[in-house]
Amino acid sequence: MTDIEIAKSVKLENILDIAKKAGIDEEEIEPYGKFKAKISNKIFKRLENKKDGKLILVTAISPTPLGEGKTTISIAIADGLRKIHKNSILALREPSLGPVFGIKGGATGGGKVQVAPMEEINLHFTGDIHAITAANNLLSSLIDNHIYFGNELKLKKVVWKRCVDLNDRQLRTVETGLSGEKKIVPRKDNFDITVASEIMAILCLSKDIFDLKEKLGNILIGYNEENEPVYAKALNAQGAMAVLLKDAIKPNLVQTLEHTPAIIHGGPFANIAHGCNSIIATKLALKLGDYVVTEAGFGADLGAEKFLDIKCRKANLKPDAVVIVATIKAIKYHGGIEKEKIQEENIEGLEKGIDNLYRHIDNLKNKFGLNVIVALNKYNTDTEKEIKYLENKLKEKNIPISIVEGWAKGGEGAIDIANKLVETTQKEKNFRYIYNIEDTIKEKIEKIATNIYGAEKVEYSPEAEKEIEKIESMGYNKLPICIAKTQYSFSDDPKNLECKEKYNITIRDIELKAGAGFIVALAGKIMTMPGLPKVPAAESIDIDENGEIIGIF
């Protein structure tokens, strides 16, 4: 059976029953049909003095085209904790339409560990990402409208980009205003995918609607003729944008196939954005559950680093345990084994590729000071010899490992890791950030690049140097850093999988996200508007004669 067929074969509980299980009162729920709901802002006042639960962060080794199953493992752990009678809550990101119709497919887990209704979550869900797209493009419309009617603010350079929640490389750079109408000023513009929009980051980093509105007003839209910054509040844009986002800021409640409550909210990518679900959702989950399972996008060098250095810093969060997801196939891939031979037993490939796992463990355990456990997402092609090799290697380094079979067995396949995590969350930790917020922009970038990526040094393009100087002169040097970099390698070269030779990280551009409160450093050739593969997943997605969606994986 396909994932979507498995999901549809399970009878879901009414969302009001899931809310009750999560400790949410009926008047605090705004249902979107029988199986989805928004959680009302009313709940935060009631729970403000309740003690927080334990926070478990799920991350992974550097991803491969084979897929590592980070979301699958997250769901399995939450279900596994329920199996051992622990009050667990799942807190995940919302899927973007770009990957759903592109190369990656859906992002709701797989097999017997999924969040549901999977096809609705993967598509329009409750409309949050559409609302972000609308707010983003409303600001673009207001900017160009202001220029059309005389440009009182004397805008000379517009840095705000439009967005759409689809992979469309044709929109990376466009010309707008070509109608030839009187007073319309043609200009070059750009599109980001919505999950890379600053408004997505703002939504995920805001405390409430009022904080959201303030952050929206602080968005840098461009520079005037005196090269002074101009912000969205100069156009009185923040109120209307906040109105478009008034429902989107409320977390979404759904369930796993085993009826574990799941809060899904916000969806920035980790390779081009900060890669974490909303602060609101995570903090709410911590009030509702004794154990909260959340994930950060892509590998630990990207999502986990940003979760820890950006989100934890802003929200005063400290994970009690970190799970690093790995697969035998992915480790062999990092060892140079070709995809066509990846299912064959190959200890030599494991020996060569295990360094990628070691580096992620070292970063989280010794650089960030966190308690780590490795989750091996087991495939039926894994051999006993390969699994034993991995177990022995991690035992030598005193790193706990658990074989997780959630895809095939559901929560039952994650009982071992659930028990180990309960024990791990009780241990002392010495959590610390990779850089000090008082460091210069370059010092912060270089500490991430050398300590987390393992680079020799950082090189900057003339454009990046100029932007750093400008940002520092504007007084924004004390913001955290969000590096946009390929997910496939510790380096900025997606083909450099093993990273055996010395390498540098090249920062080609810098973008100030004054509203979100961080600085984006673009490394290598990473694009904030992805493209589709030669054969996109969209070609397999359809609707049948019964009105049922098929083909989402």
Protein backbone atom coordinates (compact mmCIF):
# COMPACT_ATOMS: atom_id res chain seq x y z
CA MET A 1 0.00 0.00 0.00
CA THR A 2 1.09 3.56 -0.70
CA ASP A 3 1.35 6.13 2.11
CA ILE A 4 -1.86 7.82 1.04
CA GLU A 5 -3.69 4.46 0.92
CA ILE A 6 -2.43 3.58 4.41
CA ALA A 7 -3.54 6.98 5.71
CA LYS A 8 -7.02 6.61 4.20
CA SER A 9 -7.44 3.11 5.65
CA VAL A 10 -7.28 4.46 9.22
CA LYS A 11 -10.40 5.81 10.90
CA LEU A 12 -9.50 9.19 12.35
CA GLU A 13 -10.88 10.54 15.61
CA ASN A 14 -12.93 13.72 15.65
CA ILE A 15 -10.68 16.72 16.22
CA LEU A 16 -12.66 17.64 19.35
CA ASP A 17 -11.65 14.30 20.88
CA ILE A 18 -8.01 14.89 19.91
CA ALA A 19 -8.21 18.33 21.54
CA LYS A 20 -9.57 16.78 24.73
CA LYS A 21 -6.74 14.22 24.71
CA ALA A 22 -4.25 17.10 24.38
CA GLY A 23 -5.79 19.04 27.27
CA ILE A 24 -7.45 21.69 25.10
CA ASP A 25 -10.93 22.87 26.05
CA GLU A 26 -13.68 22.81 23.42
CA GLU A 27 -14.06 26.60 23.45
CA GLU A 28 -10.33 26.89 22.67
CA ILE A 29 -10.74 25.04 19.37
CA GLU A 30 -11.85 26.43 15.99
CA PRO A 31 -12.61 23.33 13.85
CA TYR A 32 -11.83 23.25 10.12
CA GLY A 33 -14.07 20.27 9.39
CA LYS A 34 -13.93 17.03 11.40
CA PHE A 35 -10.18 16.42 11.49
CA LYS A 36 -8.40 19.78 11.56
CA ALA A 37 -8.64 22.79 13.84
CA LYS A 38 -7.06 26.07 14.77
CA ILE A 39 -6.17 26.55 18.42
CA SER A 40 -7.56 29.82 19.77
CA ASN A 41 -5.37 32.45 21.41
CA LYS A 42 -7.54 32.06 24.54
CA ILE A 43 -5.56 28.99 25.60
CA PHE A 44 -2.30 30.81 26.34
CA LYS A 45 -3.68 32.78 29.28
CA ARG A 46 -5.06 29.61 30.90
CA LEU A 47 -1.78 27.70 30.59
CA GLU A 48 0.73 30.47 31.30
CA ASN A 49 1.68 29.17 34.77
CA LYS A 50 1.78 25.49 33.83
CA LYS A 51 5.19 23.81 33.97
CA ASP A 52 6.81 23.04 30.62
CA GLY A 53 7.34 19.46 29.46
CA LYS A 54 10.58 17.98 28.11
CA LEU A 55 11.70 19.10 24.65
CA ILE A 56 13.05 16.50 22.21
CA LEU A 57 14.61 17.82 18.99
CA VAL A 58 14.79 15.49 15.98
CA THR A 59 17.44 16.23 13.35
CA ALA A 60 19.46 14.14 10.92
CA ILE A 61 22.70 13.46 9.11
CA SER A 62 23.23 15.36 5.84
CA PRO A 63 20.29 14.43 3.61
CA THR A 64 20.57 12.37 0.44
CA PRO A 65 18.24 11.86 -2.53
CA LEU A 66 17.26 8.56 -0.86
CA GLY A 67 15.43 10.25 2.03
CA GLU A 68 16.24 9.73 5.71
CA GLY A 69 12.74 9.88 7.21
CA LYS A 70 13.17 12.59 9.83
CA THR A 71 9.45 13.37 10.00
CA THR A 72 8.65 9.66 10.02
CA ILE A 73 10.94 9.17 13.03
CA SER A 74 9.48 12.22 14.81
CA ILE A 75 5.97 10.83 14.47
CA ALA A 76 7.12 7.33 15.49
CA ILE A 77 8.73 8.71 18.67
CA ALA A 78 5.60 10.65 19.64
CA ASP A 79 3.48 7.53 19.08
CA GLY A 80 6.07 5.38 20.88
CA LEU A 81 5.97 7.63 23.93
CA ARG A 82 2.19 7.23 24.03
CA LYS A 83 2.68 3.45 23.87
CA ILE A 84 4.67 3.61 27.12
CA HIS A 85 1.94 5.82 28.65
CA LYS A 86 3.70 9.16 28.37
CA ASN A 87 1.77 12.33 27.53
CA SER A 88 3.48 13.24 24.24
CA ILE A 89 2.66 16.03 21.80
CA LEU A 90 4.09 16.36 18.30
CA ALA A 91 5.12 19.79 16.94
CA LEU A 92 6.00 19.90 13.24
CA ARG A 93 6.33 22.28 10.30
CA GLU A 94 3.72 22.66 7.56
CA PRO A 95 4.59 21.18 4.14
CA SER A 96 5.23 23.52 1.22
CA LEU A 97 3.62 22.90 -2.16
CA GLY A 98 7.04 23.28 -3.79
CA PRO A 99 8.43 19.91 -2.61
CA VAL A 100 5.01 18.21 -2.76
CA PHE A 101 4.85 18.85 -6.53
CA GLY A 102 8.64 18.75 -6.96
CA ILE A 103 11.27 16.17 -6.07
CA LYS A 104 10.75 15.50 -2.35
CA GLY A 105 7.03 14.76 -2.24
CA GLY A 106 4.93 15.19 0.89
CA ALA A 107 6.12 15.86 4.41
CA THR A 108 3.67 14.04 6.65
CA GLY A 109 5.68 10.91 7.46
CA GLY A 110 5.21 7.50 5.89
CA GLY A 111 3.88 3.99 6.35
CA LYS A 112 2.14 3.54 9.71
CA VAL A 113 3.58 6.76 11.15
CA GLN A 114 1.88 9.70 9.49
CA VAL A 115 0.04 12.84 10.48
CA ALA A 116 -3.46 13.00 9.04
CA PRO A 117 -5.42 13.92 7.03
CA MET A 118 -2.18 13.64 5.03
CA GLU A 119 -3.41 14.86 1.64
CA GLU A 120 -5.03 17.97 3.16
CA ILE A 121 -1.97 18.78 5.27
CA ASN A 122 0.27 18.39 2.21
CA LEU A 123 -1.92 20.61 0.05
CA HIS A 124 -3.81 23.71 1.22
CA PHE A 125 -4.20 22.63 4.89
CA THR A 126 -5.80 25.59 6.74
CA GLY A 127 -4.48 28.20 4.33
CA ASP A 128 -1.58 29.50 6.43
CA ILE A 129 0.99 29.50 3.63
CA HIS A 130 -1.48 31.13 1.23
CA ALA A 131 -2.05 33.87 3.82
CA ILE A 132 1.70 34.43 4.06
CA THR A 133 1.92 34.62 0.26
CA ALA A 134 -0.90 37.19 0.21
CA ALA A 135 0.66 39.33 2.95
CA ASN A 136 4.04 39.22 1.22
CA ASN A 137 2.60 40.27 -2.14
CA LEU A 138 0.34 42.90 -0.60
CA LEU A 139 3.50 44.62 0.61
CA SER A 140 4.96 44.38 -2.91
CA SER A 141 1.79 45.94 -4.32
CA LEU A 142 1.90 48.78 -1.79
CA ILE A 143 5.54 49.49 -2.62
CA ASP A 144 4.94 49.74 -6.37
CA ASN A 145 1.71 51.67 -5.82
CA HIS A 146 3.61 54.20 -3.72
CA ILE A 147 6.18 54.61 -6.49
CA TYR A 148 3.38 54.98 -9.07
CA PHE A 149 1.76 57.83 -7.14
CA GLY A 150 4.86 59.99 -6.89
CA ASN A 151 7.30 58.09 -4.64
CA GLU A 152 7.13 60.44 -1.69
CA LEU A 153 9.60 58.25 0.20
CA LYS A 154 12.11 58.69 -2.67
CA LEU A 155 12.68 54.94 -2.93
CA LYS A 156 15.64 54.29 -5.18
CA LYS A 157 16.38 50.61 -4.52
CA VAL A 158 13.66 48.08 -3.62
CA VAL A 159 14.95 44.95 -1.88
CA TRP A 160 11.58 43.36 -1.01
CA LYS A 161 10.75 40.34 -3.20
CA ARG A 162 7.49 38.80 -4.30
CA CYS A 163 6.77 35.14 -3.53
CA VAL A 164 4.78 32.08 -4.56
CA ASP A 165 4.57 28.67 -2.85
CA LEU A 166 5.72 26.67 -5.87
CA ASN A 167 9.07 25.73 -7.39
CA ASP A 168 9.39 28.02 -10.43
CA ARG A 169 12.95 28.88 -11.47
CA GLN A 170 11.61 31.14 -14.24
CA LEU A 171 10.56 33.65 -11.55
CA ARG A 172 13.96 34.01 -9.88
CA THR A 173 14.55 37.28 -11.73
CA VAL A 174 11.78 39.08 -13.63
CA GLU A 175 10.96 42.47 -15.16
CA THR A 176 7.78 44.09 -13.85
CA GLY A 177 5.74 47.10 -14.90
CA LEU A 178 6.05 46.48 -18.66
CA SER A 179 2.49 47.47 -19.61
CA GLY A 180 3.64 50.83 -20.96
CA GLU A 181 0.99 52.73 -18.99
CA LYS A 182 1.75 56.28 -18.04
CA LYS A 183 3.59 56.67 -14.71
CA ILE A 184 4.26 52.92 -14.27
CA VAL A 185 7.94 52.51 -13.53
CA PRO A 186 9.42 49.26 -14.92
CA ARG A 187 11.93 47.58 -12.64
CA LYS A 188 13.74 44.32 -12.08
CA ASP A 189 12.13 42.15 -9.40
CA ASN A 190 12.65 38.71 -7.86
CA PHE A 191 10.52 35.92 -6.44
CA ASP A 192 11.27 33.70 -3.45
CA ILE A 193 9.35 30.54 -2.61
CA THR A 194 6.90 31.47 0.17
CA VAL A 195 8.67 29.34 2.77
CA ALA A 196 11.74 31.57 2.29
CA SER A 197 9.71 34.77 2.68
CA GLU A 198 10.64 36.91 5.66
CA ILE A 199 6.96 36.88 6.60
CA MET A 200 7.15 33.11 7.13
CA ALA A 201 10.08 33.69 9.49
CA ILE A 202 8.23 36.50 11.25
CA LEU A 203 5.15 34.32 11.77
CA CYS A 204 7.31 31.56 13.23
CA LEU A 205 9.29 33.88 15.53
CA SER A 206 6.42 36.04 16.83
CA LYS A 207 4.99 35.75 20.35
CA ASP A 208 1.49 36.94 19.44
CA ILE A 209 -0.43 39.02 16.90
CA PHE A 210 0.86 42.29 18.36
CA ASP A 211 4.47 41.17 18.21
CA LEU A 212 3.75 39.97 14.66
CA LYS A 213 2.45 43.39 13.65
CA GLU A 214 5.48 45.16 15.09
CA LYS A 215 7.84 42.82 13.25
CA LEU A 216 5.93 43.31 9.99
CA GLY A 217 6.37 47.07 10.34
CA ASN A 218 10.14 46.60 10.74
CA ILE A 219 10.58 44.81 7.39
CA LEU A 220 13.24 46.53 5.31
CA ILE A 221 11.70 47.27 1.90
CA GLY A 222 14.50 49.28 0.32
CA TYR A 223 16.70 52.38 0.37
CA ASN A 224 15.98 55.99 -0.56
CA GLU A 225 18.01 58.43 -2.63
CA GLU A 226 20.20 59.19 0.40
CA ASN A 227 20.84 55.43 0.79
CA GLU A 228 18.83 55.41 4.03
CA PRO A 229 16.71 52.37 4.93
CA VAL A 230 12.95 52.44 4.34
CA TYR A 231 10.67 50.10 6.31
CA ALA A 232 7.19 48.69 5.74
CA LYS A 233 5.78 50.89 8.52
CA ALA A 234 6.56 53.93 6.36
CA LEU A 235 3.77 52.68 4.07
CA ASN A 236 1.46 51.86 7.00
CA ALA A 237 1.47 48.31 5.65
CA GLN A 238 1.72 46.34 8.90
CA GLY A 239 -1.95 46.58 9.90
CA ALA A 240 -3.36 45.17 6.66
CA MET A 241 -0.68 42.47 6.55
CA ALA A 242 -1.49 41.45 10.13
CA VAL A 243 -5.19 41.21 9.22
CA LEU A 244 -4.30 38.72 6.46
CA LEU A 245 -2.33 36.71 9.02
CA LYS A 246 -4.79 36.87 11.94
CA ASP A 247 -5.80 33.21 11.53
CA ALA A 248 -2.47 31.99 10.18
CA ILE A 249 -0.76 32.88 13.47
CA LYS A 250 -2.98 30.38 15.31
CA PRO A 251 -1.44 26.87 15.53
CA ASN A 252 -3.10 23.95 13.74
CA LEU A 253 -4.17 20.77 15.54
CA VAL A 254 -4.32 17.40 13.77
CA GLN A 255 -3.45 13.81 14.75
CA THR A 256 -1.18 10.91 13.90
CA LEU A 257 -2.59 7.65 12.55
CA GLU A 258 -2.42 6.42 16.17
CA HIS A 259 -4.32 9.53 17.33
CA THR A 260 -1.43 11.30 19.06
CA PRO A 261 -2.14 15.07 19.08
CA ALA A 262 0.01 16.95 16.56
CA ILE A 263 0.46 20.72 16.34
CA ILE A 264 1.62 21.71 12.85
CA HIS A 265 2.44 25.36 12.29
CA GLY A 266 4.81 27.33 10.08
CA GLY A 267 7.10 25.87 7.46
CA PRO A 268 10.39 27.63 6.61
CA PHE A 269 12.98 25.53 4.76
CA ALA A 270 16.28 25.07 6.58
CA ASN A 271 18.57 25.34 3.55
CA ILE A 272 17.30 28.81 2.57
CA ALA A 273 15.50 29.93 5.75
CA HIS A 274 15.59 29.13 9.48
CA GLY A 275 13.95 25.71 9.27
CA CYS A 276 11.78 25.48 12.41
CA ASN A 277 8.09 25.48 13.21
CA SER A 278 6.64 28.42 15.15
CA ILE A 279 7.66 29.49 18.62
CA ILE A 280 3.95 29.72 19.46
CA ALA A 281 3.37 26.07 18.51
CA THR A 282 6.42 24.75 20.36
CA LYS A 283 5.68 26.72 23.53
CA LEU A 284 2.04 25.66 23.48
CA ALA A 285 3.04 22.02 23.02
CA LEU A 286 5.39 22.32 26.01
CA LYS A 287 2.48 23.49 28.15
CA LEU A 288 0.20 20.68 26.94
CA GLY A 289 2.58 17.70 26.89
CA ASP A 290 5.05 16.10 29.27
CA TYR A 291 7.19 15.25 26.22
CA VAL A 292 7.26 17.37 23.06
CA VAL A 293 8.77 15.97 19.88
CA THR A 294 9.76 18.57 17.30
CA GLU A 295 12.01 18.56 14.26
CA ALA A 296 14.31 20.97 12.44
CA GLY A 297 14.75 20.83 8.68
CA PHE A 298 17.43 19.01 6.71
CA GLY A 299 20.69 17.97 8.43
CA ALA A 300 21.88 19.06 11.86
CA ASP A 301 24.35 21.55 10.32
CA LEU A 302 21.36 23.49 8.98
CA GLY A 303 18.06 22.96 10.81
CA ALA A 304 19.44 22.03 14.22
CA GLU A 305 22.03 24.83 14.20
CA LYS A 306 19.32 27.37 13.36
CA PHE A 307 16.89 25.86 15.86
CA LEU A 308 19.54 26.22 18.57
CA ASP A 309 21.22 29.50 17.61
CA ILE A 310 18.14 31.39 16.39
CA LYS A 311 14.91 29.89 17.73
CA CYS A 312 16.18 28.79 21.15
CA ARG A 313 17.92 32.14 21.63
CA LYS A 314 14.77 34.11 20.81
CA ALA A 315 12.34 31.84 22.69
CA ASN A 316 14.57 30.86 25.64
CA LEU A 317 14.26 27.15 24.83
CA LYS A 318 16.69 24.36 25.76
CA PRO A 319 16.26 20.88 24.28
CA ASP A 320 16.40 18.05 26.80
CA ALA A 321 17.51 15.53 24.17
CA VAL A 322 18.47 15.48 20.48
CA VAL A 323 17.75 12.60 18.11
CA ILE A 324 19.95 12.26 15.02
CA VAL A 325 18.21 10.26 12.31
CA ALA A 326 20.35 8.09 10.05
CA THR A 327 19.83 5.25 7.60
CA ILE A 328 22.22 2.57 6.43
CA LYS A 329 21.54 3.66 2.84
CA ALA A 330 22.36 7.31 3.54
CA ILE A 331 25.61 6.48 5.33
CA LYS A 332 26.70 4.33 2.39
CA TYR A 333 25.74 7.14 0.00
CA HIS A 334 28.01 9.50 1.94
CA GLY A 335 30.68 6.83 1.57
CA GLY A 336 30.54 7.15 -2.19
CA ILE A 337 28.32 4.15 -2.99
CA GLU A 338 26.23 4.69 -6.13
CA LYS A 339 22.44 4.78 -5.80
CA GLU A 340 22.10 1.71 -8.01
CA LYS A 341 24.20 -0.36 -5.56
CA ILE A 342 23.01 1.22 -2.34
CA GLN A 343 20.83 -1.74 -1.30
CA GLU A 344 23.70 -4.22 -1.52
CA GLU A 345 25.54 -5.08 1.70
CA ASN A 346 28.66 -2.92 1.83
CA ILE A 347 30.60 -2.50 5.08
CA GLU A 348 33.33 -0.54 3.30
CA GLY A 349 30.75 2.03 2.22
CA LEU A 350 29.61 2.34 5.84
CA GLU A 351 33.21 2.80 7.00
CA LYS A 352 33.71 5.64 4.54
CA GLY A 353 30.36 7.32 5.11
CA ILE A 354 30.04 7.11 8.89
CA ASP A 355 32.20 10.21 9.30
CA ASN A 356 29.19 12.33 8.30
CA LEU A 357 27.24 10.92 11.25
CA TYR A 358 30.22 11.35 13.59
CA ARG A 359 30.52 15.03 12.68
CA HIS A 360 26.86 15.74 13.39
CA ILE A 361 27.15 13.91 16.72
CA ASP A 362 30.27 15.87 17.64
CA ASN A 363 28.63 19.19 16.79
CA LEU A 364 25.54 18.56 18.90
CA LYS A 365 27.23 16.77 21.79
CA ASN A 366 30.51 18.64 22.12
CA LYS A 367 29.87 22.03 20.46
CA PHE A 368 26.30 22.64 21.67
CA GLY A 369 26.60 20.52 24.84
CA LEU A 370 23.45 18.43 24.30
CA ASN A 371 22.53 14.82 25.03
CA VAL A 372 22.35 12.85 21.77
CA ILE A 373 20.83 9.56 20.67
CA VAL A 374 21.01 8.11 17.14
CA ALA A 375 17.81 6.75 15.59
CA LEU A 376 18.48 4.23 12.84
CA ASN A 377 15.48 4.36 10.53
CA LYS A 378 15.45 0.70 9.53
CA TYR A 379 14.80 -0.46 5.98
CA ASN A 380 14.12 -4.07 4.98
CA THR A 381 17.28 -3.99 2.83
CA ASP A 382 19.51 -3.37 5.88
CA THR A 383 21.51 -6.47 6.81
CA GLU A 384 22.28 -7.69 10.33
CA LYS A 385 25.98 -7.28 9.63
CA GLU A 386 25.54 -3.62 8.63
CA ILE A 387 23.35 -2.83 11.64
CA LYS A 388 25.80 -4.55 14.00
CA TYR A 389 28.68 -2.61 12.49
CA LEU A 390 26.91 0.70 13.16
CA GLU A 391 25.91 -0.31 16.69
CA ASN A 392 29.49 -1.32 17.55
CA LYS A 393 30.98 1.86 16.11
CA LEU A 394 28.64 4.07 18.15
CA LYS A 395 29.18 1.95 21.27
CA GLU A 396 32.90 2.70 20.95
CA LYS A 397 32.06 6.40 21.15
CA ASN A 398 29.55 5.91 23.99
CA ILE A 399 26.66 7.13 21.82
CA PRO A 400 23.29 5.39 22.36
CA ILE A 401 21.51 4.07 19.28
CA SER A 402 18.01 2.73 18.76
CA ILE A 403 16.70 0.74 15.80
CA VAL A 404 13.38 2.34 14.86
CA GLU A 405 10.81 0.47 12.78
CA GLY A 406 8.01 3.01 12.88
CA TRP A 407 7.26 2.88 9.16
CA ALA A 408 6.37 -0.82 9.35
CA LYS A 409 5.14 -1.13 12.94
CA GLY A 410 3.91 2.30 13.99
CA GLY A 411 4.47 3.34 17.61
CA GLU A 412 5.31 -0.26 18.53
CA GLY A 413 8.43 0.10 16.40
CA ALA A 414 9.61 3.08 18.47
CA ILE A 415 9.16 1.80 22.04
CA ASP A 416 12.89 1.25 22.51
CA ILE A 417 13.81 4.80 21.54
CA ALA A 418 10.90 6.17 23.58
CA ASN A 419 12.23 4.48 26.73
CA LYS A 420 15.78 5.65 25.99
CA LEU A 421 14.59 9.21 25.46
CA VAL A 422 12.72 9.29 28.78
CA GLU A 423 16.01 8.35 30.41
CA THR A 424 18.07 10.77 28.29
CA THR A 425 15.86 13.76 29.09
CA GLN A 426 16.65 13.31 32.79
CA LYS A 427 20.39 13.76 32.25
CA GLU A 428 22.22 16.99 32.88
CA LYS A 429 23.07 19.12 29.85
CA ASN A 430 25.40 22.02 29.26
CA PHE A 431 23.67 23.77 26.40
CA ARG A 432 25.55 26.67 24.80
CA TYR A 433 25.35 28.66 21.58
CA ILE A 434 27.97 28.51 18.83
CA TYR A 435 28.47 32.28 18.85
CA ASN A 436 27.82 35.22 21.13
CA ILE A 437 25.20 37.69 19.96
CA GLU A 438 27.73 40.48 20.65
CA ASP A 439 30.15 39.04 18.06
CA THR A 440 30.54 40.91 14.78
CA ILE A 441 28.63 39.65 11.74
CA LYS A 442 31.76 38.09 10.30
CA GLU A 443 32.72 36.47 13.61
CA LYS A 444 29.29 34.82 13.83
CA ILE A 445 29.43 33.55 10.26
CA GLU A 446 32.97 32.27 10.74
CA LYS A 447 32.16 30.47 14.01
CA ILE A 448 29.33 28.59 12.28
CA ALA A 449 31.45 27.84 9.21
CA THR A 450 34.51 26.61 11.10
CA ASN A 451 32.91 24.96 14.14
CA ILE A 452 29.82 23.41 12.52
CA TYR A 453 30.71 23.05 8.83
CA GLY A 454 34.40 22.30 9.39
CA ALA A 455 35.56 24.93 6.88
CA GLU A 456 39.10 26.31 6.94
CA LYS A 457 37.95 29.88 6.48
CA VAL A 458 35.20 32.06 5.01
CA GLU A 459 35.56 34.06 1.81
CA TYR A 460 33.28 36.99 0.98
CA SER A 461 32.27 38.42 -2.38
CA PRO A 462 32.60 42.21 -2.83
CA GLU A 463 28.77 42.43 -2.67
CA ALA A 464 28.70 40.58 0.66
CA GLU A 465 31.47 42.79 2.08
CA LYS A 466 29.52 45.88 1.08
CA GLU A 467 26.28 44.60 2.62
CA ILE A 468 27.98 43.68 5.89
CA GLU A 469 29.44 47.17 6.13
CA LYS A 470 26.02 48.71 5.42
CA ILE A 471 24.20 46.52 7.97
CA GLU A 472 26.74 47.32 10.66
CA SER A 473 26.41 51.05 9.94
CA MET A 474 22.63 50.70 10.40
CA GLY A 475 23.14 49.17 13.87
CA TYR A 476 21.96 45.62 13.09
CA ASN A 477 25.23 43.85 13.88
CA LYS A 478 23.85 42.16 17.02
CA LEU A 479 21.42 39.86 15.21
CA PRO A 480 21.75 36.07 14.84
CA ILE A 481 22.90 34.58 11.54
CA CYS A 482 20.92 32.34 9.18
CA ILE A 483 23.20 30.76 6.57
CA ALA A 484 21.52 29.67 3.33
CA LYS A 485 23.56 26.71 2.11
CA THR A 486 23.21 23.42 0.28
CA GLN A 487 21.76 20.68 2.46
CA TYR A 488 23.72 17.87 0.81
CA SER A 489 27.17 18.67 2.18
CA PHE A 490 28.90 20.28 5.15
CA SER A 491 30.59 22.46 2.52
CA ASP A 492 28.82 24.85 0.14
CA ASP A 493 29.36 22.42 -2.75
CA PRO A 494 26.49 19.88 -3.02
CA LYS A 495 28.79 17.39 -4.80
CA ASN A 496 31.41 17.39 -2.03
CA LEU A 497 29.80 14.66 0.07
CA GLU A 498 32.77 13.27 1.97
CA CYS A 499 34.45 16.65 2.70
CA LYS A 500 37.82 14.91 3.16
CA GLU A 501 39.89 17.74 1.69
CA LYS A 502 40.18 21.23 3.18
CA TYR A 503 37.56 23.66 1.91
CA ASN A 504 36.36 27.22 2.37
CA ILE A 505 32.83 28.59 2.57
CA THR A 506 32.04 31.42 0.15
CA ILE A 507 29.44 34.01 1.15
CA ARG A 508 28.21 35.57 -2.07
CA ASP A 509 25.56 37.89 -0.62
CA ILE A 510 24.03 39.12 2.64
CA GLU A 511 20.38 40.01 3.30
CA LEU A 512 19.07 41.86 6.34
CA LYS A 513 15.76 40.52 7.70
CA ALA A 514 15.10 43.36 10.12
CA GLY A 515 11.51 42.27 10.78
CA ALA A 516 12.36 38.65 11.55
CA GLY A 517 15.44 39.76 13.46
CA PHE A 518 18.25 37.89 11.75
CA ILE A 519 20.77 38.22 8.92
CA VAL A 520 20.81 35.79 6.00
CA ALA A 521 24.20 34.87 4.53
CA LEU A 522 23.88 33.17 1.14
CA ALA A 523 26.62 30.59 0.63
CA GLY A 524 27.66 29.07 -2.68
CA LYS A 525 25.01 28.76 -5.39
CA ILE A 526 21.98 28.24 -3.15
CA MET A 527 18.74 29.71 -4.56
CA THR A 528 15.78 31.02 -2.54
CA MET A 529 13.48 29.98 -5.39
CA PRO A 530 13.99 26.26 -6.15
CA GLY A 531 13.29 24.67 -9.53
CA LEU A 532 11.42 21.51 -10.48
CA PRO A 533 13.21 18.25 -11.38
CA LYS A 534 13.04 16.80 -14.89
CA VAL A 535 10.15 14.56 -13.81
CA PRO A 536 8.29 16.42 -11.05
CA ALA A 537 6.07 14.61 -8.56
CA ALA A 538 3.18 16.70 -9.92
CA GLU A 539 3.02 14.37 -12.94
CA SER A 540 1.88 11.51 -10.65
CA ILE A 541 -0.68 13.45 -8.59
CA ASP A 542 -4.30 13.21 -9.70
CA ILE A 543 -7.91 12.98 -8.56
CA ASP A 544 -9.93 9.83 -9.35
CA GLU A 545 -13.57 9.31 -10.37
CA ASN A 546 -14.59 9.23 -6.69
CA GLY A 547 -13.02 12.60 -5.99
CA GLU A 548 -10.15 11.00 -4.07
CA ILE A 549 -6.64 12.47 -4.32
CA ILE A 550 -4.02 9.97 -5.46
CA GLY A 551 -0.28 10.02 -6.10
CA ILE A 552 0.99 12.06 -3.14
CA PHE A 553 3.91 10.28 -1.50
